[in-house]
Amino acid sequence: MSASADTMHSELAHVVQEVPGVAFLAPGLRSRLRALRATSPLARPGDDTPGITVSAPRGDSRTTVTTVEIRLICRSGRRTLDTTRAVREAVDHHLTTRYPGDEFRIIVTVTGVT
């Protein structure tokens, strides 16, 4: 993977939010806990983009596949399955275009409907 994790997270967040039927990316645990504390600091550089986790393969592993997990909230009025498929296709297209030769496993999870 040739891009930094922060760049990949922001690229993927933009791609996902452009898909019809996506309301927003699901907030992560850090964001939820940070919101509970009024005195908590703002997000630091290097924090995962809420709703997107990228797990690069370890050097000692037998696999060279990078796992991309996306957690999102769908809009009501659209079939969740169609939205999930569209997100997977959009992310797959972006990754294969931007990072040719790299292998990705894409996991899309809908955590709610609004």
N, C-alpha and C. Protein backbone atom coordinates (compact mmCIF):
# COMPACT_ATOMS: atom_id res chain seq x y z
N MET A 1 0.85 -1.16 0.00
CA MET A 1 0.00 0.00 0.00
C MET A 1 0.90 1.22 0.00
N SER A 2 0.72 2.10 -0.97
CA SER A 2 1.65 3.20 -1.14
C SER A 2 1.21 4.50 -0.48
N ALA A 3 -0.02 4.64 -0.08
CA ALA A 3 -0.49 5.88 0.54
C ALA A 3 -0.48 5.75 2.05
N SER A 4 -0.43 6.90 2.72
CA SER A 4 -0.51 6.87 4.18
C SER A 4 -1.92 6.46 4.60
N ALA A 5 -2.02 5.98 5.82
CA ALA A 5 -3.33 5.54 6.33
C ALA A 5 -4.32 6.70 6.39
N ASP A 6 -3.85 7.88 6.79
CA ASP A 6 -4.75 9.04 6.87
C ASP A 6 -5.31 9.40 5.50
N THR A 7 -4.46 9.34 4.47
CA THR A 7 -4.91 9.65 3.11
C THR A 7 -5.94 8.64 2.65
N MET A 8 -5.66 7.36 2.89
CA MET A 8 -6.60 6.32 2.48
C MET A 8 -7.93 6.47 3.20
N HIS A 9 -7.90 6.75 4.50
CA HIS A 9 -9.14 6.93 5.26
C HIS A 9 -9.97 8.08 4.68
N SER A 10 -9.35 9.21 4.40
CA SER A 10 -10.12 10.34 3.89
C SER A 10 -10.64 10.07 2.48
N GLU A 11 -9.85 9.39 1.64
CA GLU A 11 -10.32 9.02 0.31
C GLU A 11 -11.54 8.11 0.39
N LEU A 12 -11.43 7.08 1.23
CA LEU A 12 -12.53 6.13 1.35
C LEU A 12 -13.77 6.78 1.95
N ALA A 13 -13.59 7.67 2.92
CA ALA A 13 -14.73 8.36 3.50
C ALA A 13 -15.48 9.16 2.43
N HIS A 14 -14.74 9.82 1.56
CA HIS A 14 -15.36 10.59 0.48
C HIS A 14 -16.10 9.66 -0.49
N VAL A 15 -15.48 8.55 -0.85
CA VAL A 15 -16.10 7.59 -1.77
C VAL A 15 -17.40 7.05 -1.19
N VAL A 16 -17.37 6.64 0.08
CA VAL A 16 -18.54 6.05 0.72
C VAL A 16 -19.68 7.06 0.83
N GLN A 17 -19.36 8.28 1.20
CA GLN A 17 -20.42 9.27 1.41
C GLN A 17 -21.06 9.73 0.10
N GLU A 18 -20.43 9.46 -1.03
CA GLU A 18 -21.01 9.80 -2.33
C GLU A 18 -22.02 8.76 -2.81
N VAL A 19 -22.07 7.61 -2.16
CA VAL A 19 -22.99 6.54 -2.58
C VAL A 19 -24.41 6.88 -2.13
N PRO A 20 -25.38 6.84 -3.05
CA PRO A 20 -26.77 7.10 -2.67
C PRO A 20 -27.24 6.09 -1.62
N GLY A 21 -27.93 6.58 -0.62
CA GLY A 21 -28.45 5.71 0.43
C GLY A 21 -27.62 5.72 1.69
N VAL A 22 -26.40 6.28 1.64
CA VAL A 22 -25.55 6.36 2.83
C VAL A 22 -25.87 7.66 3.55
N ALA A 23 -26.27 7.54 4.81
CA ALA A 23 -26.54 8.73 5.61
C ALA A 23 -25.22 9.31 6.13
N PHE A 24 -24.42 8.47 6.80
CA PHE A 24 -23.12 8.88 7.30
C PHE A 24 -22.36 7.67 7.79
N LEU A 25 -21.07 7.84 8.01
CA LEU A 25 -20.25 6.77 8.57
C LEU A 25 -20.56 6.65 10.05
N ALA A 26 -20.56 5.44 10.54
CA ALA A 26 -20.87 5.21 11.96
C ALA A 26 -19.74 5.74 12.82
N PRO A 27 -20.08 6.44 13.89
CA PRO A 27 -19.02 6.93 14.79
C PRO A 27 -18.34 5.76 15.49
N GLY A 28 -17.05 5.88 15.68
CA GLY A 28 -16.30 4.84 16.37
C GLY A 28 -16.40 4.99 17.87
N LEU A 29 -15.89 4.02 18.57
CA LEU A 29 -15.93 4.03 20.03
C LEU A 29 -15.18 5.23 20.59
N ARG A 30 -14.03 5.55 20.02
CA ARG A 30 -13.27 6.72 20.50
C ARG A 30 -14.09 7.99 20.40
N SER A 31 -14.78 8.16 19.27
CA SER A 31 -15.60 9.36 19.08
C SER A 31 -16.73 9.41 20.08
N ARG A 32 -17.35 8.27 20.34
CA ARG A 32 -18.45 8.24 21.31
C ARG A 32 -17.97 8.57 22.71
N LEU A 33 -16.85 7.99 23.11
CA LEU A 33 -16.32 8.27 24.43
C LEU A 33 -15.85 9.72 24.55
N ARG A 34 -15.24 10.24 23.50
CA ARG A 34 -14.78 11.62 23.49
C ARG A 34 -15.96 12.57 23.63
N ALA A 35 -17.09 12.24 23.01
CA ALA A 35 -18.27 13.09 23.08
C ALA A 35 -18.86 13.13 24.49
N LEU A 36 -18.63 12.09 25.28
CA LEU A 36 -19.16 12.05 26.64
C LEU A 36 -18.40 12.97 27.59
N ARG A 37 -17.17 13.28 27.25
CA ARG A 37 -16.33 14.12 28.12
C ARG A 37 -16.21 15.50 27.51
N ALA A 38 -16.69 16.50 28.21
CA ALA A 38 -16.62 17.87 27.69
C ALA A 38 -15.18 18.38 27.64
N THR A 39 -14.31 17.85 28.47
CA THR A 39 -12.93 18.33 28.52
C THR A 39 -11.98 17.52 27.64
N SER A 40 -12.51 16.58 26.87
CA SER A 40 -11.64 15.72 26.07
C SER A 40 -11.03 16.51 24.91
N PRO A 41 -9.82 16.15 24.50
CA PRO A 41 -9.18 16.85 23.39
C PRO A 41 -9.82 16.48 22.06
N LEU A 42 -9.58 17.29 21.07
CA LEU A 42 -10.06 16.98 19.73
C LEU A 42 -9.31 15.78 19.19
N ALA A 43 -9.81 15.24 18.11
CA ALA A 43 -9.17 14.06 17.50
C ALA A 43 -7.73 14.39 17.16
N ARG A 44 -6.86 13.47 17.46
CA ARG A 44 -5.44 13.64 17.16
C ARG A 44 -5.14 13.08 15.79
N PRO A 45 -4.08 13.57 15.12
CA PRO A 45 -3.68 12.95 13.87
C PRO A 45 -3.36 11.48 14.10
N GLY A 46 -3.77 10.65 13.17
CA GLY A 46 -3.52 9.22 13.30
C GLY A 46 -4.72 8.46 13.84
N ASP A 47 -5.70 9.18 14.42
CA ASP A 47 -6.91 8.49 14.85
C ASP A 47 -7.63 7.98 13.61
N ASP A 48 -8.23 6.81 13.73
CA ASP A 48 -8.98 6.26 12.60
C ASP A 48 -10.16 7.16 12.27
N THR A 49 -10.45 7.26 10.99
CA THR A 49 -11.65 7.95 10.57
C THR A 49 -12.82 7.13 11.11
N PRO A 50 -13.78 7.78 11.78
CA PRO A 50 -14.91 7.01 12.28
C PRO A 50 -15.58 6.24 11.16
N GLY A 51 -15.84 4.98 11.42
CA GLY A 51 -16.53 4.15 10.45
C GLY A 51 -15.63 3.43 9.47
N ILE A 52 -14.34 3.73 9.45
CA ILE A 52 -13.42 3.07 8.51
C ILE A 52 -12.19 2.58 9.25
N THR A 53 -11.90 1.31 9.08
CA THR A 53 -10.69 0.72 9.65
C THR A 53 -9.94 0.01 8.53
N VAL A 54 -8.66 0.30 8.43
CA VAL A 54 -7.80 -0.35 7.44
C VAL A 54 -6.75 -1.14 8.19
N SER A 55 -6.72 -2.45 7.97
CA SER A 55 -5.76 -3.33 8.64
C SER A 55 -4.79 -3.87 7.60
N ALA A 56 -3.59 -3.34 7.61
CA ALA A 56 -2.57 -3.79 6.67
C ALA A 56 -2.07 -5.17 7.08
N PRO A 57 -1.67 -5.97 6.11
CA PRO A 57 -1.15 -7.31 6.45
C PRO A 57 0.16 -7.19 7.22
N ARG A 58 0.36 -8.12 8.14
CA ARG A 58 1.61 -8.15 8.90
C ARG A 58 2.69 -8.81 8.07
N GLY A 59 3.92 -8.44 8.31
CA GLY A 59 5.04 -8.97 7.55
C GLY A 59 5.22 -10.46 7.69
N ASP A 60 4.90 -11.01 8.87
CA ASP A 60 5.10 -12.44 9.10
C ASP A 60 3.89 -13.28 8.69
N SER A 61 2.84 -12.63 8.21
CA SER A 61 1.62 -13.34 7.84
C SER A 61 1.77 -13.98 6.46
N ARG A 62 1.00 -15.02 6.23
CA ARG A 62 1.00 -15.68 4.93
C ARG A 62 0.17 -14.92 3.91
N THR A 63 -0.65 -14.01 4.36
CA THR A 63 -1.53 -13.28 3.46
C THR A 63 -0.99 -11.88 3.18
N THR A 64 -1.26 -11.39 2.00
CA THR A 64 -0.87 -10.03 1.63
C THR A 64 -2.09 -9.16 1.38
N VAL A 65 -3.22 -9.58 1.90
CA VAL A 65 -4.49 -8.88 1.68
C VAL A 65 -4.69 -7.84 2.78
N THR A 66 -5.01 -6.61 2.37
CA THR A 66 -5.34 -5.55 3.30
C THR A 66 -6.84 -5.57 3.53
N THR A 67 -7.26 -5.55 4.78
CA THR A 67 -8.69 -5.57 5.12
C THR A 67 -9.19 -4.15 5.34
N VAL A 68 -10.27 -3.81 4.65
CA VAL A 68 -10.92 -2.50 4.80
C VAL A 68 -12.30 -2.77 5.36
N GLU A 69 -12.54 -2.26 6.58
CA GLU A 69 -13.86 -2.41 7.22
C GLU A 69 -14.57 -1.06 7.21
N ILE A 70 -15.81 -1.06 6.76
CA ILE A 70 -16.61 0.15 6.69
C ILE A 70 -17.89 -0.08 7.47
N ARG A 71 -18.16 0.81 8.43
CA ARG A 71 -19.39 0.77 9.21
C ARG A 71 -20.17 2.04 8.91
N LEU A 72 -21.44 1.88 8.53
CA LEU A 72 -22.20 3.05 8.10
C LEU A 72 -23.64 2.98 8.55
N ILE A 73 -24.29 4.13 8.45
CA ILE A 73 -25.71 4.28 8.73
C ILE A 73 -26.38 4.55 7.39
N CYS A 74 -27.44 3.81 7.07
CA CYS A 74 -28.16 3.98 5.80
C CYS A 74 -29.36 4.89 5.99
N ARG A 75 -29.75 5.50 4.89
CA ARG A 75 -30.98 6.30 4.87
C ARG A 75 -32.18 5.37 4.71
N SER A 76 -33.26 5.72 5.37
CA SER A 76 -34.49 4.94 5.18
C SER A 76 -35.05 5.29 3.81
N GLY A 77 -35.87 4.43 3.27
CA GLY A 77 -36.45 4.67 1.96
C GLY A 77 -35.67 4.02 0.84
N ARG A 78 -34.51 3.45 1.15
CA ARG A 78 -33.73 2.70 0.16
C ARG A 78 -33.45 1.34 0.75
N ARG A 79 -33.33 0.35 -0.12
CA ARG A 79 -33.00 -0.99 0.37
C ARG A 79 -31.57 -1.00 0.89
N THR A 80 -31.42 -1.45 2.12
CA THR A 80 -30.10 -1.50 2.75
C THR A 80 -29.15 -2.40 1.98
N LEU A 81 -29.64 -3.50 1.47
CA LEU A 81 -28.80 -4.42 0.71
C LEU A 81 -28.25 -3.74 -0.54
N ASP A 82 -29.08 -2.98 -1.24
CA ASP A 82 -28.62 -2.26 -2.43
C ASP A 82 -27.54 -1.23 -2.07
N THR A 83 -27.74 -0.53 -0.98
CA THR A 83 -26.76 0.46 -0.54
C THR A 83 -25.45 -0.21 -0.17
N THR A 84 -25.53 -1.33 0.54
CA THR A 84 -24.33 -2.06 0.94
C THR A 84 -23.55 -2.53 -0.28
N ARG A 85 -24.24 -3.08 -1.25
CA ARG A 85 -23.58 -3.54 -2.48
C ARG A 85 -22.94 -2.37 -3.23
N ALA A 86 -23.66 -1.24 -3.29
CA ALA A 86 -23.13 -0.08 -4.00
C ALA A 86 -21.88 0.47 -3.31
N VAL A 87 -21.86 0.44 -1.98
CA VAL A 87 -20.68 0.89 -1.24
C VAL A 87 -19.51 -0.04 -1.52
N ARG A 88 -19.74 -1.33 -1.45
CA ARG A 88 -18.67 -2.30 -1.72
C ARG A 88 -18.10 -2.12 -3.13
N GLU A 89 -18.99 -1.94 -4.13
CA GLU A 89 -18.54 -1.75 -5.51
C GLU A 89 -17.75 -0.45 -5.67
N ALA A 90 -18.23 0.64 -5.05
CA ALA A 90 -17.54 1.93 -5.17
C ALA A 90 -16.16 1.88 -4.52
N VAL A 91 -16.08 1.26 -3.34
CA VAL A 91 -14.80 1.14 -2.65
C VAL A 91 -13.86 0.23 -3.42
N ASP A 92 -14.37 -0.88 -3.93
CA ASP A 92 -13.54 -1.79 -4.71
C ASP A 92 -13.00 -1.10 -5.96
N HIS A 93 -13.85 -0.38 -6.66
CA HIS A 93 -13.43 0.35 -7.86
C HIS A 93 -12.34 1.37 -7.51
N HIS A 94 -12.54 2.12 -6.44
CA HIS A 94 -11.56 3.13 -6.03
C HIS A 94 -10.22 2.49 -5.69
N LEU A 95 -10.26 1.42 -4.90
CA LEU A 95 -9.01 0.79 -4.46
C LEU A 95 -8.26 0.14 -5.62
N THR A 96 -8.97 -0.54 -6.52
CA THR A 96 -8.28 -1.20 -7.63
C THR A 96 -7.73 -0.18 -8.62
N THR A 97 -8.38 0.98 -8.73
CA THR A 97 -7.88 2.03 -9.60
C THR A 97 -6.69 2.75 -8.98
N ARG A 98 -6.81 3.07 -7.70
CA ARG A 98 -5.77 3.86 -7.00
C ARG A 98 -4.57 3.02 -6.61
N TYR A 99 -4.78 1.76 -6.28
CA TYR A 99 -3.70 0.88 -5.80
C TYR A 99 -3.67 -0.41 -6.63
N PRO A 100 -3.32 -0.31 -7.91
CA PRO A 100 -3.31 -1.52 -8.74
C PRO A 100 -2.28 -2.52 -8.24
N GLY A 101 -2.65 -3.78 -8.29
CA GLY A 101 -1.74 -4.84 -7.85
C GLY A 101 -1.89 -5.21 -6.39
N ASP A 102 -2.49 -4.34 -5.58
CA ASP A 102 -2.72 -4.66 -4.17
C ASP A 102 -4.03 -5.43 -4.04
N GLU A 103 -4.09 -6.30 -3.04
CA GLU A 103 -5.32 -7.07 -2.80
C GLU A 103 -6.02 -6.52 -1.57
N PHE A 104 -7.34 -6.38 -1.66
CA PHE A 104 -8.14 -5.84 -0.57
C PHE A 104 -9.31 -6.75 -0.27
N ARG A 105 -9.61 -6.87 1.00
CA ARG A 105 -10.83 -7.55 1.47
C ARG A 105 -11.71 -6.45 2.03
N ILE A 106 -12.91 -6.29 1.49
CA ILE A 106 -13.78 -5.20 1.87
C ILE A 106 -14.96 -5.75 2.66
N ILE A 107 -15.15 -5.22 3.86
CA ILE A 107 -16.25 -5.62 4.73
C ILE A 107 -17.11 -4.40 4.98
N VAL A 108 -18.39 -4.47 4.62
CA VAL A 108 -19.31 -3.37 4.84
C VAL A 108 -20.36 -3.81 5.84
N THR A 109 -20.50 -3.04 6.91
CA THR A 109 -21.47 -3.36 7.96
C THR A 109 -22.41 -2.17 8.15
N VAL A 110 -23.70 -2.42 8.09
CA VAL A 110 -24.69 -1.39 8.37
C VAL A 110 -25.02 -1.47 9.84
N THR A 111 -24.80 -0.36 10.56
CA THR A 111 -25.04 -0.35 12.00
C THR A 111 -26.34 0.35 12.38
N GLY A 112 -27.02 0.91 11.39
CA GLY A 112 -28.29 1.55 11.70
C GLY A 112 -28.93 2.12 10.45
N VAL A 113 -30.20 2.52 10.60
CA VAL A 113 -30.95 3.14 9.52
C VAL A 113 -31.60 4.39 10.09
N THR A 114 -31.50 5.48 9.35
CA THR A 114 -32.09 6.73 9.81
C THR A 114 -33.02 7.34 8.79
